[in-house]
Structure formats: C-alpha cells, structure tokens
C-alpha cells in the first residue's frame, strides 16, 4: 500500500507542475497578458462546447492555484469561470471524463491507465469546486453515489481504500458557496474522514 501511495504522490506532483501559469511580473507585461487572456476567453464563445469547455476549464484550474492569483478582482479567473458555467453540459463534460477514465481503469491491467485515471480525476476535481451551477451540483451528487474503490488490498474494507470518487465529489461539493450544505451527520463525518485521506495523498 505504501508503494501505491508513493506512486500516486509522484504522479500528482508531476501533474501539479503543469498547472502553473507563470504570470508576468512587470506591470506592462502583466497588462498585456491580462488583455490577451480576456480576448482568448471571449473567443471561446465561437468554438464548439467540446473544445471550449476543456480550454476554459484549464484556465479556471490554473487561475485557482494560489501561486497564480491575479491582481485586483481576478478578471481572468472570473471571466473563464462565468463563460464555462454558461455552456450547457459544462459539468456533465467533466463527470463523463471521470467515468470514462474509471471504466478504462476497471478494464485494464494498470500501466499507463493508472496515470490516465489520476490525471483526469485530479484535473476534474480541481475544476468542479468552481462550477457553481445547478448542473455542477447534480453532477457531483451523481459522483457522490459512486463507491467504486481503486484496486488495493482486498483485506481492507472499501471505506479504508483511497481515493474513491464519492469522497472526492463530497470534498468538491463542500467547497461550494451554499447557504446550507446538503450533508447529514453521516455525510459530514464521511467528509471529515475523506478530506484527511485525500490530503494524505498529496
């Protein structure tokens, strides 16, 4: 199990390095970068959803990383988030990518499919907390009921295996700005447990 966790940690570290946007430091270059990004975001309105959703999602993910926080009221992040949420199917797109990766992993013997699964789920669950829409809530609600666990030590109960989609979805939904979190006592307890387990992997 330790080697399994070490492999996951290594893969997540490699993937994390791809999320940095390296924002310009000089005021002039920063203003130019901001204008170019806002134009690129606006141009996604002319692209089909299958192209616009992943592109906007990648910008939302990049701009949500603390080291990439913009100046002022974060116009690039908010523009990308608003345009992404405005596209019908934005949350279903990421839900479907997760479930497709899960099926590929179920039907494979491991290898590169492990990397594919963790890349897809990690990216999607970095984006999901920012999909503040009814569709986002529905998609996460569906994933919360998915209790398939990653292959591991069969002597352990499913609740002791990490990570599973229901746990990641629960954590993502807990970050929504909801007046009342849709969790009963059992889910709240599970949220605390799975947050600790997910955090232990990174």
N, C-alpha and C. Protein backbone atom coordinates (compact mmCIF):
# COMPACT_ATOMS: atom_id res chain seq x y z
N UNK A 1 0.82 -1.21 0.00
CA UNK A 1 0.00 0.00 0.00
C UNK A 1 0.86 1.25 0.00
N UNK A 2 2.03 1.21 0.72
CA UNK A 2 2.90 2.38 0.74
C UNK A 2 3.44 2.70 -0.64
N UNK A 3 3.81 1.65 -1.40
CA UNK A 3 4.32 1.89 -2.75
C UNK A 3 3.22 2.46 -3.64
N UNK A 4 1.98 2.01 -3.40
CA UNK A 4 0.84 2.52 -4.16
C UNK A 4 0.66 4.01 -3.89
N UNK A 5 0.73 4.41 -2.61
CA UNK A 5 0.57 5.81 -2.25
C UNK A 5 1.73 6.65 -2.78
N UNK A 6 2.93 6.09 -2.72
CA UNK A 6 4.08 6.83 -3.23
C UNK A 6 3.95 7.09 -4.72
N UNK A 7 3.41 6.10 -5.46
CA UNK A 7 3.23 6.26 -6.90
C UNK A 7 2.23 7.36 -7.19
N UNK A 8 1.14 7.38 -6.41
CA UNK A 8 0.13 8.42 -6.60
C UNK A 8 0.72 9.79 -6.30
N UNK A 9 1.45 9.89 -5.20
CA UNK A 9 2.04 11.18 -4.82
C UNK A 9 2.98 11.70 -5.89
N UNK A 10 3.79 10.80 -6.47
CA UNK A 10 4.72 11.20 -7.52
C UNK A 10 3.96 11.70 -8.74
N UNK A 11 2.90 10.98 -9.14
CA UNK A 11 2.13 11.39 -10.31
C UNK A 11 1.46 12.74 -10.08
N UNK A 12 0.92 12.95 -8.87
CA UNK A 12 0.26 14.23 -8.59
C UNK A 12 1.26 15.37 -8.59
N UNK A 13 2.47 15.12 -8.11
CA UNK A 13 3.50 16.16 -8.12
C UNK A 13 3.87 16.54 -9.54
N UNK A 14 3.99 15.54 -10.41
CA UNK A 14 4.31 15.81 -11.81
C UNK A 14 3.20 16.60 -12.47
N UNK A 15 1.96 16.21 -12.20
CA UNK A 15 0.83 16.91 -12.81
C UNK A 15 0.70 18.33 -12.29
N UNK A 16 1.02 18.53 -11.03
CA UNK A 16 0.88 19.86 -10.45
C UNK A 16 1.78 20.88 -11.14
N UNK A 17 2.95 20.44 -11.58
CA UNK A 17 3.88 21.37 -12.22
C UNK A 17 3.33 21.89 -13.53
N UNK A 18 2.34 21.22 -14.09
CA UNK A 18 1.79 21.65 -15.38
C UNK A 18 0.71 22.71 -15.22
N UNK A 19 0.34 23.03 -13.99
CA UNK A 19 -0.77 23.94 -13.76
C UNK A 19 -0.32 25.38 -13.54
N UNK A 20 0.98 25.62 -13.42
CA UNK A 20 1.45 26.97 -13.15
C UNK A 20 1.40 27.82 -14.41
N UNK A 21 0.88 29.04 -14.25
CA UNK A 21 0.72 29.92 -15.40
C UNK A 21 1.89 30.89 -15.58
N UNK A 22 2.76 31.03 -14.54
CA UNK A 22 3.91 31.94 -14.62
C UNK A 22 3.46 33.34 -15.06
N UNK A 23 2.67 33.99 -14.23
CA UNK A 23 2.15 35.30 -14.57
C UNK A 23 3.29 36.32 -14.67
N UNK A 24 3.22 37.23 -15.63
CA UNK A 24 4.27 38.24 -15.80
C UNK A 24 4.40 39.11 -14.55
N UNK A 25 5.62 39.53 -14.27
CA UNK A 25 5.86 40.35 -13.08
C UNK A 25 5.81 41.85 -13.38
N UNK A 26 6.29 42.27 -14.54
CA UNK A 26 6.30 43.70 -14.84
C UNK A 26 4.88 44.18 -15.13
N UNK A 27 4.50 45.38 -14.69
CA UNK A 27 3.14 45.90 -14.91
C UNK A 27 2.74 45.92 -16.38
N UNK A 28 3.66 46.32 -17.26
CA UNK A 28 3.33 46.38 -18.67
C UNK A 28 3.03 45.02 -19.26
N UNK A 29 3.90 44.05 -18.95
CA UNK A 29 3.69 42.70 -19.46
C UNK A 29 2.46 42.06 -18.85
N UNK A 30 2.20 42.37 -17.59
CA UNK A 30 1.01 41.81 -16.93
C UNK A 30 -0.26 42.33 -17.60
N UNK A 31 -0.32 43.62 -17.89
CA UNK A 31 -1.49 44.20 -18.55
C UNK A 31 -1.71 43.58 -19.92
N UNK A 32 -0.61 43.34 -20.63
CA UNK A 32 -0.69 42.72 -21.95
C UNK A 32 -1.20 41.30 -21.83
N UNK A 33 -0.68 40.56 -20.86
CA UNK A 33 -1.12 39.17 -20.64
C UNK A 33 -2.60 39.13 -20.30
N UNK A 34 -3.04 40.03 -19.41
CA UNK A 34 -4.44 40.04 -19.00
C UNK A 34 -5.37 40.32 -20.18
N UNK A 35 -5.00 41.28 -21.02
CA UNK A 35 -5.83 41.62 -22.19
C UNK A 35 -5.89 40.44 -23.16
N UNK A 36 -4.75 39.77 -23.36
CA UNK A 36 -4.73 38.62 -24.27
C UNK A 36 -5.58 37.48 -23.73
N UNK A 37 -5.52 37.25 -22.42
CA UNK A 37 -6.31 36.18 -21.83
C UNK A 37 -7.80 36.47 -21.92
N UNK A 38 -8.19 37.69 -21.64
CA UNK A 38 -9.62 38.04 -21.71
C UNK A 38 -10.14 37.91 -23.13
N UNK A 39 -9.30 38.25 -24.11
CA UNK A 39 -9.68 38.09 -25.52
C UNK A 39 -9.81 36.62 -25.88
N UNK A 40 -8.85 35.81 -25.40
CA UNK A 40 -8.89 34.37 -25.70
C UNK A 40 -10.13 33.72 -25.08
N UNK A 41 -10.47 34.15 -23.87
CA UNK A 41 -11.66 33.62 -23.20
C UNK A 41 -12.91 33.98 -23.99
N UNK A 42 -13.00 35.22 -24.42
CA UNK A 42 -14.16 35.67 -25.19
C UNK A 42 -14.28 34.91 -26.51
N UNK A 43 -13.14 34.57 -27.11
CA UNK A 43 -13.14 33.85 -28.38
C UNK A 43 -13.69 32.43 -28.26
N UNK A 44 -13.71 31.88 -27.03
CA UNK A 44 -14.23 30.52 -26.85
C UNK A 44 -15.73 30.44 -27.15
N UNK A 45 -16.40 31.60 -27.16
CA UNK A 45 -17.83 31.61 -27.46
C UNK A 45 -18.10 31.18 -28.90
N UNK A 46 -17.08 31.26 -29.74
CA UNK A 46 -17.23 30.87 -31.15
C UNK A 46 -16.82 29.43 -31.41
N UNK A 47 -16.43 28.72 -30.35
CA UNK A 47 -15.96 27.35 -30.50
C UNK A 47 -17.03 26.37 -30.04
N UNK A 48 -17.02 25.14 -30.56
CA UNK A 48 -17.98 24.14 -30.09
C UNK A 48 -17.72 23.80 -28.63
N UNK A 49 -18.74 23.39 -27.89
CA UNK A 49 -18.58 23.09 -26.46
C UNK A 49 -17.47 22.08 -26.17
N UNK A 50 -17.30 21.09 -27.03
CA UNK A 50 -16.27 20.07 -26.77
C UNK A 50 -14.86 20.66 -26.80
N UNK A 51 -14.69 21.82 -27.42
CA UNK A 51 -13.40 22.49 -27.42
C UNK A 51 -13.35 23.60 -26.36
N UNK A 52 -14.46 24.33 -26.22
CA UNK A 52 -14.48 25.47 -25.30
C UNK A 52 -14.45 25.02 -23.83
N UNK A 53 -15.16 23.95 -23.50
CA UNK A 53 -15.23 23.53 -22.09
C UNK A 53 -13.85 23.15 -21.54
N UNK A 54 -13.10 22.26 -22.19
CA UNK A 54 -11.78 21.93 -21.61
C UNK A 54 -10.80 23.10 -21.61
N UNK A 55 -10.89 23.98 -22.60
CA UNK A 55 -9.99 25.13 -22.64
C UNK A 55 -10.31 26.09 -21.48
N UNK A 56 -11.59 26.45 -21.33
CA UNK A 56 -11.98 27.32 -20.23
C UNK A 56 -11.70 26.66 -18.88
N UNK A 57 -11.96 25.36 -18.80
CA UNK A 57 -11.70 24.63 -17.56
C UNK A 57 -10.23 24.66 -17.17
N UNK A 58 -9.35 24.55 -18.16
CA UNK A 58 -7.91 24.59 -17.86
C UNK A 58 -7.50 25.94 -17.31
N UNK A 59 -8.13 27.01 -17.83
CA UNK A 59 -7.81 28.35 -17.31
C UNK A 59 -8.37 28.56 -15.92
N UNK A 60 -9.57 28.04 -15.67
CA UNK A 60 -10.14 28.12 -14.32
C UNK A 60 -9.22 27.41 -13.33
N UNK A 61 -8.75 26.22 -13.71
CA UNK A 61 -7.88 25.45 -12.83
C UNK A 61 -6.57 26.19 -12.58
N UNK A 62 -5.96 26.73 -13.64
CA UNK A 62 -4.70 27.44 -13.48
C UNK A 62 -4.85 28.67 -12.59
N UNK A 63 -5.91 29.43 -12.81
CA UNK A 63 -6.08 30.68 -12.08
C UNK A 63 -6.59 30.48 -10.65
N UNK A 64 -6.95 29.24 -10.29
CA UNK A 64 -7.40 28.97 -8.93
C UNK A 64 -6.25 28.56 -8.02
N UNK A 65 -5.07 28.32 -8.59
CA UNK A 65 -3.90 27.93 -7.80
C UNK A 65 -3.35 29.17 -7.08
N UNK A 66 -3.12 29.10 -5.78
CA UNK A 66 -2.68 30.28 -5.01
C UNK A 66 -1.50 31.01 -5.63
N UNK A 67 -0.52 30.30 -6.17
CA UNK A 67 0.65 30.96 -6.74
C UNK A 67 0.34 31.69 -8.05
N UNK A 68 -0.86 31.43 -8.61
CA UNK A 68 -1.25 32.07 -9.87
C UNK A 68 -2.30 33.16 -9.68
N UNK A 69 -2.58 33.54 -8.45
CA UNK A 69 -3.65 34.52 -8.22
C UNK A 69 -3.34 35.84 -8.90
N UNK A 70 -4.36 36.37 -9.55
CA UNK A 70 -4.19 37.61 -10.32
C UNK A 70 -4.24 38.84 -9.42
N UNK A 71 -4.02 39.98 -10.05
CA UNK A 71 -4.15 41.25 -9.35
C UNK A 71 -5.63 41.64 -9.27
N UNK A 72 -5.95 42.49 -8.32
CA UNK A 72 -7.29 43.05 -8.25
C UNK A 72 -8.38 42.03 -8.01
N UNK A 73 -9.46 42.15 -8.77
CA UNK A 73 -10.61 41.26 -8.57
C UNK A 73 -10.57 40.02 -9.46
N UNK A 74 -9.39 39.65 -9.94
CA UNK A 74 -9.16 38.40 -10.70
C UNK A 74 -10.08 38.31 -11.94
N UNK A 75 -9.98 39.26 -12.85
CA UNK A 75 -10.88 39.27 -14.01
C UNK A 75 -10.74 38.06 -14.92
N UNK A 76 -9.52 37.53 -15.07
CA UNK A 76 -9.33 36.37 -15.97
C UNK A 76 -10.02 35.14 -15.38
N UNK A 77 -9.81 34.88 -14.10
CA UNK A 77 -10.46 33.74 -13.45
C UNK A 77 -11.97 33.85 -13.55
N UNK A 78 -12.51 35.00 -13.18
CA UNK A 78 -13.97 35.15 -13.16
C UNK A 78 -14.57 35.11 -14.56
N UNK A 79 -13.87 35.63 -15.56
CA UNK A 79 -14.37 35.57 -16.93
C UNK A 79 -14.40 34.13 -17.42
N UNK A 80 -13.32 33.39 -17.16
CA UNK A 80 -13.27 31.98 -17.58
C UNK A 80 -14.33 31.16 -16.85
N UNK A 81 -14.50 31.40 -15.56
CA UNK A 81 -15.50 30.67 -14.78
C UNK A 81 -16.91 30.97 -15.28
N UNK A 82 -17.22 32.25 -15.49
CA UNK A 82 -18.57 32.63 -15.94
C UNK A 82 -18.89 32.06 -17.31
N UNK A 83 -17.93 32.13 -18.23
CA UNK A 83 -18.18 31.61 -19.57
C UNK A 83 -18.29 30.09 -19.57
N UNK A 84 -17.51 29.44 -18.72
CA UNK A 84 -17.59 27.98 -18.62
C UNK A 84 -18.96 27.55 -18.11
N UNK A 85 -19.41 28.18 -17.05
CA UNK A 85 -20.70 27.82 -16.45
C UNK A 85 -21.86 28.13 -17.40
N UNK A 86 -21.68 29.07 -18.30
CA UNK A 86 -22.76 29.45 -19.22
C UNK A 86 -22.99 28.41 -20.31
N UNK A 87 -22.08 27.46 -20.46
CA UNK A 87 -22.20 26.44 -21.52
C UNK A 87 -22.99 25.25 -21.00
N UNK A 88 -24.12 24.92 -21.60
CA UNK A 88 -24.86 23.72 -21.17
C UNK A 88 -23.98 22.48 -21.33
N UNK A 89 -23.96 21.66 -20.28
CA UNK A 89 -23.15 20.44 -20.33
C UNK A 89 -21.77 20.60 -19.75
N UNK A 90 -21.46 21.77 -19.15
CA UNK A 90 -20.11 22.01 -18.64
C UNK A 90 -19.72 21.02 -17.54
N UNK A 91 -20.64 20.76 -16.60
CA UNK A 91 -20.33 19.83 -15.51
C UNK A 91 -20.45 18.38 -15.97
N UNK A 92 -21.40 18.11 -16.85
CA UNK A 92 -21.55 16.76 -17.38
C UNK A 92 -20.31 16.34 -18.16
N UNK A 93 -19.66 17.30 -18.80
CA UNK A 93 -18.43 17.01 -19.55
C UNK A 93 -17.38 16.40 -18.62
N UNK A 94 -17.16 17.02 -17.46
CA UNK A 94 -16.14 16.52 -16.53
C UNK A 94 -16.60 15.25 -15.83
N UNK A 95 -17.90 15.16 -15.53
CA UNK A 95 -18.42 13.91 -14.96
C UNK A 95 -18.17 12.75 -15.91
N UNK A 96 -18.46 12.96 -17.19
CA UNK A 96 -18.30 11.89 -18.17
C UNK A 96 -16.83 11.51 -18.36
N UNK A 97 -15.92 12.52 -18.33
CA UNK A 97 -14.49 12.21 -18.48
C UNK A 97 -14.02 11.34 -17.30
N UNK A 98 -14.52 11.64 -16.10
CA UNK A 98 -14.15 10.86 -14.92
C UNK A 98 -14.64 9.42 -15.05
N UNK A 99 -15.91 9.27 -15.43
CA UNK A 99 -16.49 7.92 -15.52
C UNK A 99 -15.85 7.11 -16.65
N UNK A 100 -15.50 7.78 -17.73
CA UNK A 100 -14.81 7.08 -18.83
C UNK A 100 -13.44 6.60 -18.39
N UNK A 101 -12.72 7.44 -17.65
CA UNK A 101 -11.41 7.05 -17.14
C UNK A 101 -11.54 5.91 -16.14
N UNK A 102 -12.59 5.94 -15.35
CA UNK A 102 -12.84 4.86 -14.40
C UNK A 102 -13.07 3.54 -15.12
N UNK A 103 -13.86 3.56 -16.18
CA UNK A 103 -14.12 2.34 -16.94
C UNK A 103 -12.85 1.81 -17.60
N UNK A 104 -12.02 2.72 -18.12
CA UNK A 104 -10.76 2.27 -18.73
C UNK A 104 -9.88 1.59 -17.69
N UNK A 105 -9.86 2.13 -16.49
CA UNK A 105 -9.04 1.54 -15.43
C UNK A 105 -9.62 0.20 -14.99
N UNK A 106 -10.93 0.10 -14.88
CA UNK A 106 -11.56 -1.16 -14.49
C UNK A 106 -11.22 -2.28 -15.47
N UNK A 107 -11.16 -1.93 -16.75
CA UNK A 107 -10.99 -2.93 -17.80
C UNK A 107 -9.54 -3.13 -18.23
N UNK A 108 -8.62 -2.56 -17.48
CA UNK A 108 -7.22 -2.67 -17.87
C UNK A 108 -6.42 -3.38 -16.79
N UNK A 109 -5.18 -3.61 -17.11
CA UNK A 109 -4.30 -4.23 -16.13
C UNK A 109 -3.42 -3.23 -15.43
N UNK A 110 -3.71 -1.96 -15.56
CA UNK A 110 -2.90 -0.93 -14.92
C UNK A 110 -2.07 -0.18 -15.93
N UNK A 111 -0.76 -0.09 -15.68
CA UNK A 111 0.14 0.59 -16.59
C UNK A 111 -0.22 2.06 -16.76
N UNK A 112 -0.21 2.52 -18.02
CA UNK A 112 -0.47 3.93 -18.28
C UNK A 112 -1.90 4.32 -17.92
N UNK A 113 -2.80 3.34 -17.79
CA UNK A 113 -4.18 3.66 -17.43
C UNK A 113 -4.27 4.25 -16.03
N UNK A 114 -3.37 3.86 -15.14
CA UNK A 114 -3.34 4.46 -13.81
C UNK A 114 -3.05 5.95 -13.93
N UNK A 115 -2.05 6.27 -14.73
CA UNK A 115 -1.68 7.68 -14.93
C UNK A 115 -2.85 8.44 -15.54
N UNK A 116 -3.49 7.85 -16.51
CA UNK A 116 -4.64 8.49 -17.18
C UNK A 116 -5.75 8.76 -16.18
N UNK A 117 -6.07 7.78 -15.33
CA UNK A 117 -7.14 7.92 -14.35
C UNK A 117 -6.86 9.06 -13.38
N UNK A 118 -5.64 9.10 -12.84
CA UNK A 118 -5.31 10.13 -11.87
C UNK A 118 -5.21 11.50 -12.50
N UNK A 119 -4.76 11.56 -13.74
CA UNK A 119 -4.70 12.85 -14.42
C UNK A 119 -6.10 13.41 -14.64
N UNK A 120 -7.00 12.57 -15.13
CA UNK A 120 -8.37 13.00 -15.42
C UNK A 120 -9.10 13.40 -14.14
N UNK A 121 -9.06 12.54 -13.12
CA UNK A 121 -9.80 12.82 -11.89
C UNK A 121 -9.21 14.01 -11.14
N UNK A 122 -7.90 14.11 -11.10
CA UNK A 122 -7.27 15.22 -10.39
C UNK A 122 -7.67 16.55 -11.04
N UNK A 123 -7.55 16.63 -12.35
CA UNK A 123 -7.89 17.88 -13.03
C UNK A 123 -9.37 18.22 -12.86
N UNK A 124 -10.23 17.21 -13.04
CA UNK A 124 -11.67 17.46 -12.94
C UNK A 124 -12.07 17.94 -11.55
N UNK A 125 -11.49 17.33 -10.51
CA UNK A 125 -11.88 17.71 -9.15
C UNK A 125 -11.18 18.99 -8.68
N UNK A 126 -10.23 19.49 -9.46
CA UNK A 126 -9.74 20.84 -9.22
C UNK A 126 -10.68 21.88 -9.82
N UNK A 127 -11.37 21.49 -10.88
CA UNK A 127 -12.28 22.41 -11.57
C UNK A 127 -13.67 22.38 -10.95
N UNK A 128 -14.14 21.21 -10.53
CA UNK A 128 -15.51 21.08 -10.02
C UNK A 128 -15.87 22.07 -8.91
N UNK A 129 -14.99 22.36 -7.94
CA UNK A 129 -15.39 23.29 -6.87
C UNK A 129 -15.73 24.69 -7.38
N UNK A 130 -15.37 24.99 -8.63
CA UNK A 130 -15.63 26.32 -9.19
C UNK A 130 -16.83 26.32 -10.15
N UNK A 131 -17.47 25.17 -10.32
CA UNK A 131 -18.63 25.08 -11.21
C UNK A 131 -19.89 25.34 -10.39
N UNK A 132 -20.08 26.58 -9.98
CA UNK A 132 -21.19 26.95 -9.10
C UNK A 132 -22.48 27.08 -9.90
N UNK A 133 -23.05 25.96 -10.23
CA UNK A 133 -24.27 25.93 -11.03
C UNK A 133 -25.11 24.74 -10.60
N UNK A 134 -26.42 24.77 -10.90
CA UNK A 134 -27.25 23.60 -10.60
C UNK A 134 -26.71 22.33 -11.27
N UNK A 135 -26.19 22.49 -12.48
CA UNK A 135 -25.63 21.32 -13.17
C UNK A 135 -24.41 20.78 -12.44
N UNK A 136 -23.60 21.68 -11.88
CA UNK A 136 -22.44 21.25 -11.11
C UNK A 136 -22.84 20.47 -9.88
N UNK A 137 -23.88 20.94 -9.19
CA UNK A 137 -24.38 20.24 -8.00
C UNK A 137 -24.90 18.86 -8.39
N UNK A 138 -25.66 18.79 -9.48
CA UNK A 138 -26.21 17.50 -9.91
C UNK A 138 -25.11 16.50 -10.26
N UNK A 139 -24.10 16.97 -11.00
CA UNK A 139 -23.03 16.06 -11.42
C UNK A 139 -22.26 15.54 -10.22
N UNK A 140 -21.97 16.41 -9.26
CA UNK A 140 -21.27 15.97 -8.06
C UNK A 140 -22.14 15.05 -7.22
N UNK A 141 -23.44 15.32 -7.20
CA UNK A 141 -24.35 14.43 -6.48
C UNK A 141 -24.33 13.03 -7.05
N UNK A 142 -24.27 12.91 -8.37
CA UNK A 142 -24.19 11.60 -9.00
C UNK A 142 -22.87 10.91 -8.65
N UNK A 143 -21.78 11.66 -8.66
CA UNK A 143 -20.48 11.07 -8.35
C UNK A 143 -20.37 10.69 -6.87
N UNK A 144 -21.10 11.38 -6.01
CA UNK A 144 -21.08 11.03 -4.58
C UNK A 144 -21.65 9.64 -4.32
N UNK A 145 -22.47 9.15 -5.24
CA UNK A 145 -23.05 7.82 -5.06
C UNK A 145 -22.20 6.72 -5.69
N UNK A 146 -21.06 7.10 -6.28
CA UNK A 146 -20.17 6.14 -6.94
C UNK A 146 -19.15 5.65 -5.92
N UNK A 147 -19.33 4.43 -5.43
CA UNK A 147 -18.47 3.90 -4.37
C UNK A 147 -17.42 2.91 -4.87
N UNK A 148 -17.19 2.91 -6.19
CA UNK A 148 -16.13 2.03 -6.69
C UNK A 148 -14.79 2.48 -6.11
N UNK A 149 -14.03 1.52 -5.60
CA UNK A 149 -12.73 1.85 -4.99
C UNK A 149 -11.60 1.41 -5.90
N UNK A 150 -10.51 2.15 -5.84
CA UNK A 150 -9.33 1.75 -6.58
C UNK A 150 -8.85 0.39 -6.11
N UNK A 151 -8.37 -0.44 -7.02
CA UNK A 151 -7.85 -1.74 -6.60
C UNK A 151 -6.75 -1.55 -5.56
N UNK A 152 -6.82 -2.37 -4.52
CA UNK A 152 -5.82 -2.27 -3.47
C UNK A 152 -5.79 -3.54 -2.66
N UNK A 153 -5.56 -3.40 -1.40
CA UNK A 153 -5.50 -4.54 -0.52
C UNK A 153 -6.92 -5.05 -0.26
N UNK A 154 -7.23 -6.23 -0.77
CA UNK A 154 -8.59 -6.75 -0.66
C UNK A 154 -8.98 -7.09 0.77
N UNK A 155 -8.01 -7.12 1.67
CA UNK A 155 -8.36 -7.42 3.06
C UNK A 155 -8.93 -6.20 3.76
N UNK A 156 -8.80 -5.03 3.13
CA UNK A 156 -9.32 -3.81 3.73
C UNK A 156 -10.75 -3.55 3.27
N UNK A 157 -11.53 -2.97 4.13
CA UNK A 157 -12.89 -2.59 3.75
C UNK A 157 -12.83 -1.48 2.72
N UNK A 158 -13.88 -1.38 1.90
CA UNK A 158 -13.92 -0.34 0.87
C UNK A 158 -13.74 1.03 1.50
N UNK A 159 -14.30 1.25 2.69
CA UNK A 159 -14.21 2.56 3.33
C UNK A 159 -12.78 2.93 3.69
N UNK A 160 -11.86 1.95 3.69
CA UNK A 160 -10.47 2.24 4.04
C UNK A 160 -9.59 2.42 2.82
N UNK A 161 -10.14 2.22 1.64
CA UNK A 161 -9.36 2.40 0.42
C UNK A 161 -9.47 3.85 -0.05
N UNK A 162 -8.42 4.36 -0.63
CA UNK A 162 -8.43 5.75 -1.10
C UNK A 162 -7.72 5.84 -2.43
N UNK A 163 -8.11 6.83 -3.27
CA UNK A 163 -9.34 7.61 -3.13
C UNK A 163 -10.47 6.94 -3.90
N UNK A 164 -11.70 7.24 -3.59
CA UNK A 164 -12.83 6.80 -4.40
C UNK A 164 -13.59 8.05 -4.83
N UNK A 165 -14.34 7.93 -5.90
CA UNK A 165 -14.98 9.11 -6.49
C UNK A 165 -15.95 9.78 -5.53
N UNK A 166 -16.67 8.98 -4.74
CA UNK A 166 -17.64 9.59 -3.83
C UNK A 166 -16.96 10.52 -2.84
N UNK A 167 -15.74 10.17 -2.42
CA UNK A 167 -15.02 11.01 -1.47
C UNK A 167 -14.59 12.32 -2.12
N UNK A 168 -14.00 12.23 -3.29
CA UNK A 168 -13.55 13.44 -3.98
C UNK A 168 -14.74 14.35 -4.32
N UNK A 169 -15.87 13.76 -4.72
CA UNK A 169 -17.06 14.55 -5.04
C UNK A 169 -17.61 15.23 -3.79
N UNK A 170 -17.57 14.53 -2.65
CA UNK A 170 -18.05 15.11 -1.40
C UNK A 170 -17.21 16.31 -1.01
N UNK A 171 -15.89 16.17 -1.12
CA UNK A 171 -14.99 17.29 -0.80
C UNK A 171 -15.25 18.46 -1.73
N UNK A 172 -15.40 18.18 -3.04
CA UNK A 172 -15.62 19.26 -4.02
C UNK A 172 -16.92 20.01 -3.72
N UNK A 173 -17.99 19.27 -3.42
CA UNK A 173 -19.28 19.92 -3.16
C UNK A 173 -19.24 20.72 -1.86
N UNK A 174 -18.43 20.28 -0.90
CA UNK A 174 -18.34 21.02 0.36
C UNK A 174 -17.73 22.39 0.16
N UNK A 175 -17.05 22.61 -0.96
CA UNK A 175 -16.41 23.90 -1.24
C UNK A 175 -17.32 24.85 -2.00
N UNK A 176 -18.54 24.41 -2.32
CA UNK A 176 -19.49 25.29 -2.98
C UNK A 176 -19.98 26.34 -1.99
N UNK A 177 -20.26 27.56 -2.46
CA UNK A 177 -20.76 28.61 -1.57
C UNK A 177 -22.26 28.47 -1.33
N UNK A 178 -22.64 27.38 -0.69
CA UNK A 178 -24.05 27.11 -0.42
C UNK A 178 -24.43 27.60 0.97
N UNK A 179 -25.61 28.19 1.09
CA UNK A 179 -26.07 28.66 2.40
C UNK A 179 -26.21 27.50 3.36
N UNK A 180 -26.71 26.37 2.86
CA UNK A 180 -26.84 25.17 3.67
C UNK A 180 -26.20 24.02 2.93
N UNK A 181 -25.20 23.42 3.55
CA UNK A 181 -24.54 22.28 2.92
C UNK A 181 -25.47 21.08 2.94
N UNK A 182 -25.58 20.36 1.81
CA UNK A 182 -26.51 19.23 1.73
C UNK A 182 -25.95 17.96 2.35
N UNK A 183 -25.49 18.06 3.61
CA UNK A 183 -24.90 16.90 4.26
C UNK A 183 -25.63 16.63 5.58
N UNK A 184 -25.99 15.37 5.79
CA UNK A 184 -26.50 14.99 7.10
C UNK A 184 -25.31 14.60 7.98
N UNK A 185 -25.57 14.13 9.19
CA UNK A 185 -24.47 13.82 10.11
C UNK A 185 -23.55 12.74 9.55
N UNK A 186 -24.13 11.75 8.85
CA UNK A 186 -23.31 10.67 8.31
C UNK A 186 -22.38 11.21 7.23
N UNK A 187 -22.91 12.07 6.35
CA UNK A 187 -22.08 12.62 5.28
C UNK A 187 -21.04 13.57 5.85
N UNK A 188 -21.42 14.35 6.88
CA UNK A 188 -20.45 15.26 7.49
C UNK A 188 -19.28 14.48 8.07
N UNK A 189 -19.56 13.36 8.72
CA UNK A 189 -18.50 12.52 9.28
C UNK A 189 -17.64 11.96 8.16
N UNK A 190 -18.28 11.51 7.09
CA UNK A 190 -17.54 10.97 5.96
C UNK A 190 -16.68 12.05 5.32
N UNK A 191 -17.20 13.28 5.26
CA UNK A 191 -16.44 14.38 4.68
C UNK A 191 -15.15 14.61 5.44
N UNK A 192 -15.23 14.62 6.76
CA UNK A 192 -14.02 14.82 7.56
C UNK A 192 -13.02 13.70 7.31
N UNK A 193 -13.52 12.47 7.24
CA UNK A 193 -12.64 11.33 7.03
C UNK A 193 -11.98 11.37 5.66
N UNK A 194 -12.77 11.61 4.61
CA UNK A 194 -12.23 11.54 3.26
C UNK A 194 -11.34 12.75 2.97
N UNK A 195 -11.61 13.91 3.60
CA UNK A 195 -10.73 15.05 3.42
C UNK A 195 -9.34 14.74 3.95
N UNK A 196 -9.29 14.07 5.09
CA UNK A 196 -7.99 13.68 5.66
C UNK A 196 -7.29 12.66 4.77
N UNK A 197 -8.04 11.71 4.22
CA UNK A 197 -7.41 10.68 3.39
C UNK A 197 -6.92 11.26 2.07
N UNK A 198 -7.73 12.14 1.47
CA UNK A 198 -7.30 12.76 0.21
C UNK A 198 -6.07 13.63 0.47
N UNK A 199 -6.07 14.39 1.57
CA UNK A 199 -4.94 15.24 1.89
C UNK A 199 -3.68 14.43 2.14
N UNK A 200 -3.84 13.21 2.65
CA UNK A 200 -2.69 12.38 2.97
C UNK A 200 -1.96 11.90 1.71
N UNK A 201 -2.63 12.00 0.56
CA UNK A 201 -2.04 11.53 -0.69
C UNK A 201 -1.21 12.58 -1.37
N UNK A 202 -1.32 13.84 -0.96
CA UNK A 202 -0.64 14.92 -1.67
C UNK A 202 0.29 15.69 -0.73
